[in-house]
N, C-alpha and C. Protein backbone atom coordinates (compact mmCIF):
# COMPACT_ATOMS: atom_id res chain seq x y z
N MET A 1 114.02 170.90 174.74
CA MET A 1 112.83 171.66 174.56
C MET A 1 113.27 173.06 173.92
N GLU A 2 112.28 173.66 173.18
CA GLU A 2 112.67 174.93 172.56
C GLU A 2 112.83 176.10 173.56
N LYS A 3 112.27 176.03 174.74
CA LYS A 3 112.32 176.94 175.78
C LYS A 3 113.82 177.17 176.36
N CYS A 4 114.35 175.93 176.36
CA CYS A 4 115.87 175.88 176.72
C CYS A 4 116.74 176.74 175.87
N ARG A 5 116.40 177.02 174.70
CA ARG A 5 117.25 177.74 173.79
C ARG A 5 117.04 179.13 174.10
N GLU A 6 115.83 179.57 174.75
CA GLU A 6 115.56 181.09 175.00
C GLU A 6 115.93 181.41 176.34
N ILE A 7 115.81 180.47 177.34
CA ILE A 7 116.06 180.75 178.71
C ILE A 7 117.13 179.62 179.16
N LYS A 8 118.33 180.19 179.53
CA LYS A 8 119.48 179.18 180.07
C LYS A 8 119.31 179.22 181.64
N ALA A 9 119.18 177.93 182.18
CA ALA A 9 119.12 177.80 183.74
C ALA A 9 120.31 177.29 184.30
N ASP A 10 120.79 177.79 185.45
CA ASP A 10 121.75 177.17 186.12
C ASP A 10 121.42 177.23 187.73
N VAL A 11 121.59 176.06 188.26
CA VAL A 11 121.32 175.89 189.78
C VAL A 11 122.68 175.71 190.48
N ARG A 12 122.64 176.64 191.56
CA ARG A 12 123.91 176.38 192.40
C ARG A 12 123.45 176.06 193.88
N MET A 13 124.06 174.99 194.42
CA MET A 13 123.66 174.69 195.78
C MET A 13 124.98 174.53 196.67
N GLU A 14 124.93 174.94 197.75
CA GLU A 14 126.05 174.80 198.72
C GLU A 14 125.22 174.56 200.00
N GLU A 15 126.00 174.47 201.13
CA GLU A 15 125.42 174.15 202.42
C GLU A 15 124.49 175.22 202.85
N ARG A 16 123.16 174.90 203.04
CA ARG A 16 122.22 175.92 203.52
C ARG A 16 121.90 177.13 202.33
N TYR A 17 122.31 177.03 201.19
CA TYR A 17 122.24 178.08 200.25
C TYR A 17 121.84 177.38 198.84
N GLU A 18 120.95 178.07 198.24
CA GLU A 18 120.56 177.61 196.90
C GLU A 18 120.28 178.79 195.94
N GLY A 19 120.72 178.65 194.66
CA GLY A 19 120.39 179.77 193.87
C GLY A 19 120.04 179.27 192.37
N LEU A 20 119.09 179.99 191.69
CA LEU A 20 118.75 179.48 190.53
C LEU A 20 118.97 180.94 189.54
N ASN A 21 119.71 180.75 188.53
CA ASN A 21 119.93 181.82 187.58
C ASN A 21 119.20 181.45 186.18
N LEU A 22 118.34 182.55 185.77
CA LEU A 22 117.62 182.33 184.64
C LEU A 22 118.08 183.32 183.56
N LEU A 23 118.98 183.07 182.67
CA LEU A 23 119.57 184.01 181.65
C LEU A 23 118.61 184.04 180.47
N PHE A 24 118.15 185.18 180.16
CA PHE A 24 117.22 185.31 179.14
C PHE A 24 117.61 186.29 177.92
N GLY A 25 118.72 186.67 177.96
CA GLY A 25 119.17 187.73 176.97
C GLY A 25 118.41 189.09 176.84
N ASP A 26 118.20 189.59 175.81
CA ASP A 26 117.55 190.88 175.80
C ASP A 26 116.13 190.86 175.36
N CYS A 27 115.35 190.09 176.04
CA CYS A 27 113.94 189.94 175.49
C CYS A 27 112.99 190.26 176.65
N PRO A 28 112.38 191.47 176.68
CA PRO A 28 111.50 191.91 177.68
C PRO A 28 110.22 190.80 177.98
N ASP A 29 109.87 190.19 176.90
CA ASP A 29 108.76 189.19 177.05
C ASP A 29 109.15 188.02 177.93
N LEU A 30 110.45 187.58 177.63
CA LEU A 30 110.82 186.39 178.45
C LEU A 30 110.97 186.85 179.87
N LYS A 31 111.53 188.07 180.15
CA LYS A 31 111.64 188.56 181.53
C LYS A 31 110.34 188.59 182.23
N LYS A 32 109.41 189.05 181.54
CA LYS A 32 108.03 189.26 182.05
C LYS A 32 107.54 187.82 182.43
N GLU A 33 107.69 186.92 181.57
CA GLU A 33 107.27 185.56 181.71
C GLU A 33 107.87 184.98 182.99
N ILE A 34 109.24 185.13 183.09
CA ILE A 34 109.90 184.54 184.25
C ILE A 34 109.36 185.16 185.53
N LEU A 35 109.32 186.42 185.66
CA LEU A 35 108.81 187.12 186.74
C LEU A 35 107.25 186.78 187.18
N ASP A 36 106.47 186.62 186.03
CA ASP A 36 105.11 186.10 186.46
C ASP A 36 105.01 184.79 186.94
N VAL A 37 106.05 183.84 186.37
CA VAL A 37 106.09 182.48 187.02
C VAL A 37 106.56 182.48 188.36
N ILE A 38 107.68 183.31 188.62
CA ILE A 38 108.05 183.44 190.01
C ILE A 38 106.86 183.93 191.01
N ASP A 39 106.21 184.87 190.58
CA ASP A 39 104.97 185.26 191.45
C ASP A 39 104.01 184.24 191.62
N GLU A 40 103.77 183.50 190.62
CA GLU A 40 102.71 182.44 190.74
C GLU A 40 103.27 181.33 191.66
N VAL A 41 104.46 180.94 191.59
CA VAL A 41 105.10 179.86 192.49
C VAL A 41 105.14 180.34 193.86
N LYS A 42 105.54 181.70 194.20
CA LYS A 42 105.51 182.38 195.53
C LYS A 42 104.23 182.16 196.05
N LYS A 43 103.07 182.50 195.24
CA LYS A 43 101.77 182.36 195.87
C LYS A 43 101.33 180.94 196.22
N GLU A 44 101.67 180.01 195.23
CA GLU A 44 101.57 178.72 195.49
C GLU A 44 102.01 178.08 196.70
N THR A 45 103.32 178.46 197.02
CA THR A 45 104.11 177.87 198.14
C THR A 45 104.28 178.70 199.34
N GLY A 46 103.94 180.05 199.26
CA GLY A 46 104.12 180.79 200.30
C GLY A 46 105.61 181.19 200.62
N MET A 47 106.41 180.72 199.79
CA MET A 47 108.00 181.09 199.88
C MET A 47 108.22 182.32 199.41
N THR A 48 109.32 183.06 200.12
CA THR A 48 109.58 184.36 199.60
C THR A 48 111.24 184.33 199.50
N PRO A 49 111.71 183.81 198.40
CA PRO A 49 113.07 183.95 198.07
C PRO A 49 113.49 185.36 197.79
N PHE A 50 114.91 185.48 197.85
CA PHE A 50 115.40 186.76 197.27
C PHE A 50 115.43 186.68 195.79
N ILE A 51 115.03 187.78 195.23
CA ILE A 51 114.93 187.85 193.66
C ILE A 51 115.88 189.17 193.24
N TYR A 52 116.86 188.79 192.39
CA TYR A 52 117.65 189.88 191.74
C TYR A 52 117.49 189.96 190.44
N ASP A 53 117.55 191.01 189.95
CA ASP A 53 117.51 191.44 188.37
C ASP A 53 118.88 191.76 188.10
N LYS A 54 119.50 190.76 187.37
CA LYS A 54 120.98 191.05 186.99
C LYS A 54 120.97 191.63 185.62
N VAL A 55 121.48 192.76 185.37
CA VAL A 55 121.52 193.53 184.23
C VAL A 55 122.96 193.80 183.93
N SER A 56 123.35 193.62 182.74
CA SER A 56 124.64 193.99 182.08
C SER A 56 124.60 195.23 181.39
N ASN A 57 125.24 196.20 181.87
CA ASN A 57 125.27 197.67 181.09
C ASN A 57 125.96 197.47 179.80
N ASP A 58 126.99 196.64 179.74
CA ASP A 58 127.85 196.41 178.65
C ASP A 58 127.28 195.54 177.55
N ARG A 59 126.58 194.45 177.90
CA ARG A 59 126.05 193.50 176.95
C ARG A 59 124.64 193.34 177.17
N LYS A 60 123.79 193.62 176.09
CA LYS A 60 122.45 193.54 176.26
C LYS A 60 122.06 192.09 176.31
N ASP A 61 122.92 191.18 175.80
CA ASP A 61 122.52 189.78 175.65
C ASP A 61 122.72 189.01 176.91
N ILE A 62 123.16 189.68 178.02
CA ILE A 62 123.41 189.03 179.37
C ILE A 62 122.48 189.76 180.25
N GLN A 63 121.26 189.21 180.36
CA GLN A 63 120.34 189.65 181.26
C GLN A 63 119.71 188.58 182.00
N ALA A 64 119.51 188.66 183.28
CA ALA A 64 119.13 187.47 184.03
C ALA A 64 118.31 187.73 185.19
N ILE A 65 117.49 186.88 185.62
CA ILE A 65 116.80 186.86 187.03
C ILE A 65 117.44 185.83 187.85
N TYR A 66 117.82 186.16 188.99
CA TYR A 66 118.54 185.28 189.98
C TYR A 66 117.67 185.19 191.24
N ILE A 67 117.27 183.83 191.62
CA ILE A 67 116.45 183.57 192.61
C ILE A 67 117.34 182.89 193.73
N GLU A 68 117.28 183.22 195.01
CA GLU A 68 118.31 182.78 195.95
C GLU A 68 117.60 182.44 197.28
N PHE A 69 117.95 181.43 197.96
CA PHE A 69 117.52 180.93 199.35
C PHE A 69 118.67 181.10 200.20
N HIS A 70 118.58 181.73 201.32
CA HIS A 70 119.71 181.75 202.35
C HIS A 70 119.19 180.98 203.39
N ASP A 71 120.14 180.24 204.13
CA ASP A 71 119.95 179.39 205.36
C ASP A 71 118.72 178.53 205.17
N ASP A 72 118.84 177.81 204.18
CA ASP A 72 117.77 176.85 203.61
C ASP A 72 118.08 175.47 204.27
N VAL A 73 117.87 175.16 205.48
CA VAL A 73 118.35 173.92 206.25
C VAL A 73 117.74 172.79 205.55
N HIS A 74 116.31 172.90 205.27
CA HIS A 74 115.65 171.73 204.88
C HIS A 74 115.56 171.61 203.19
N ARG A 75 116.31 172.41 202.61
CA ARG A 75 116.43 172.33 201.07
C ARG A 75 115.13 172.37 200.42
N THR A 76 114.20 173.26 200.97
CA THR A 76 112.88 173.39 200.25
C THR A 76 112.98 174.33 198.98
N GLY A 77 114.17 175.03 198.85
CA GLY A 77 114.30 175.94 197.72
C GLY A 77 114.31 175.08 196.48
N GLY A 78 114.76 173.81 196.54
CA GLY A 78 114.99 173.06 195.27
C GLY A 78 113.60 172.71 194.74
N ASP A 79 112.50 172.51 195.56
CA ASP A 79 111.13 172.30 195.19
C ASP A 79 110.60 173.55 194.50
N PHE A 80 110.99 174.75 195.04
CA PHE A 80 110.57 175.95 194.48
C PHE A 80 111.14 176.19 193.03
N PHE A 81 112.41 175.78 192.96
CA PHE A 81 113.21 175.82 191.54
C PHE A 81 112.51 174.91 190.66
N GLU A 82 112.19 173.57 190.97
CA GLU A 82 111.52 172.71 190.16
C GLU A 82 110.28 173.15 189.50
N LYS A 83 109.39 173.82 190.53
CA LYS A 83 108.17 174.28 190.02
C LYS A 83 108.29 175.41 188.94
N ILE A 84 109.31 176.30 189.13
CA ILE A 84 109.62 177.34 188.26
C ILE A 84 110.09 176.88 186.93
N LEU A 85 110.91 175.85 186.87
CA LEU A 85 111.55 175.11 185.64
C LEU A 85 110.42 174.48 184.88
N LYS A 86 109.55 173.75 185.59
CA LYS A 86 108.40 173.05 185.07
C LYS A 86 107.52 173.99 184.28
N LYS A 87 107.18 175.25 185.09
CA LYS A 87 106.22 176.14 184.53
C LYS A 87 106.78 176.82 183.24
N LEU A 88 108.10 177.01 183.27
CA LEU A 88 108.76 177.78 182.12
C LEU A 88 109.04 176.80 181.03
N GLU A 89 108.79 175.44 181.26
CA GLU A 89 109.11 174.43 180.31
C GLU A 89 110.63 174.27 179.96
N ILE A 90 111.34 174.27 181.14
CA ILE A 90 112.80 174.09 180.91
C ILE A 90 113.05 172.77 181.50
N ASP A 91 113.64 171.86 180.69
CA ASP A 91 113.79 170.50 181.07
C ASP A 91 115.33 170.17 181.52
N HIS A 92 116.11 171.17 181.43
CA HIS A 92 117.46 170.82 181.95
C HIS A 92 118.17 172.17 182.21
N CYS A 93 119.32 172.08 182.96
CA CYS A 93 120.05 173.23 183.25
C CYS A 93 121.51 173.17 182.61
N GLU A 94 122.01 174.42 182.36
CA GLU A 94 123.51 174.45 181.71
C GLU A 94 124.45 174.06 182.55
N ASP A 95 125.62 173.63 182.02
CA ASP A 95 126.65 173.37 182.84
C ASP A 95 127.40 174.66 183.35
N THR A 96 127.43 175.76 182.29
CA THR A 96 128.17 176.92 182.69
C THR A 96 127.21 178.10 182.08
N VAL A 97 126.83 178.92 182.91
CA VAL A 97 126.07 180.11 182.48
C VAL A 97 126.74 181.35 183.08
N CYS A 98 126.63 182.51 182.32
CA CYS A 98 127.32 183.73 182.73
C CYS A 98 126.70 184.23 184.11
């Protein structure tokens, strides 16, 4: 999909922990779209993950939003991530993302 060229996604899962990194470069419109989708999914699901705005002061092309669930015993964070990826029209994740 075209959107996968604009937003790179990387999911990390460990025991009771899940994280989704959305790397969007230096595009304020993409950042707004990502944050809007996160808010929408939070309202739909009632879930409240930790949201981090990862900004590189050295490189403008490395900007990301990181979504994280701690102590996720039932792995419900994965459903949250799937909804976000679907709404952003991202159909695959990267093997390696900064």
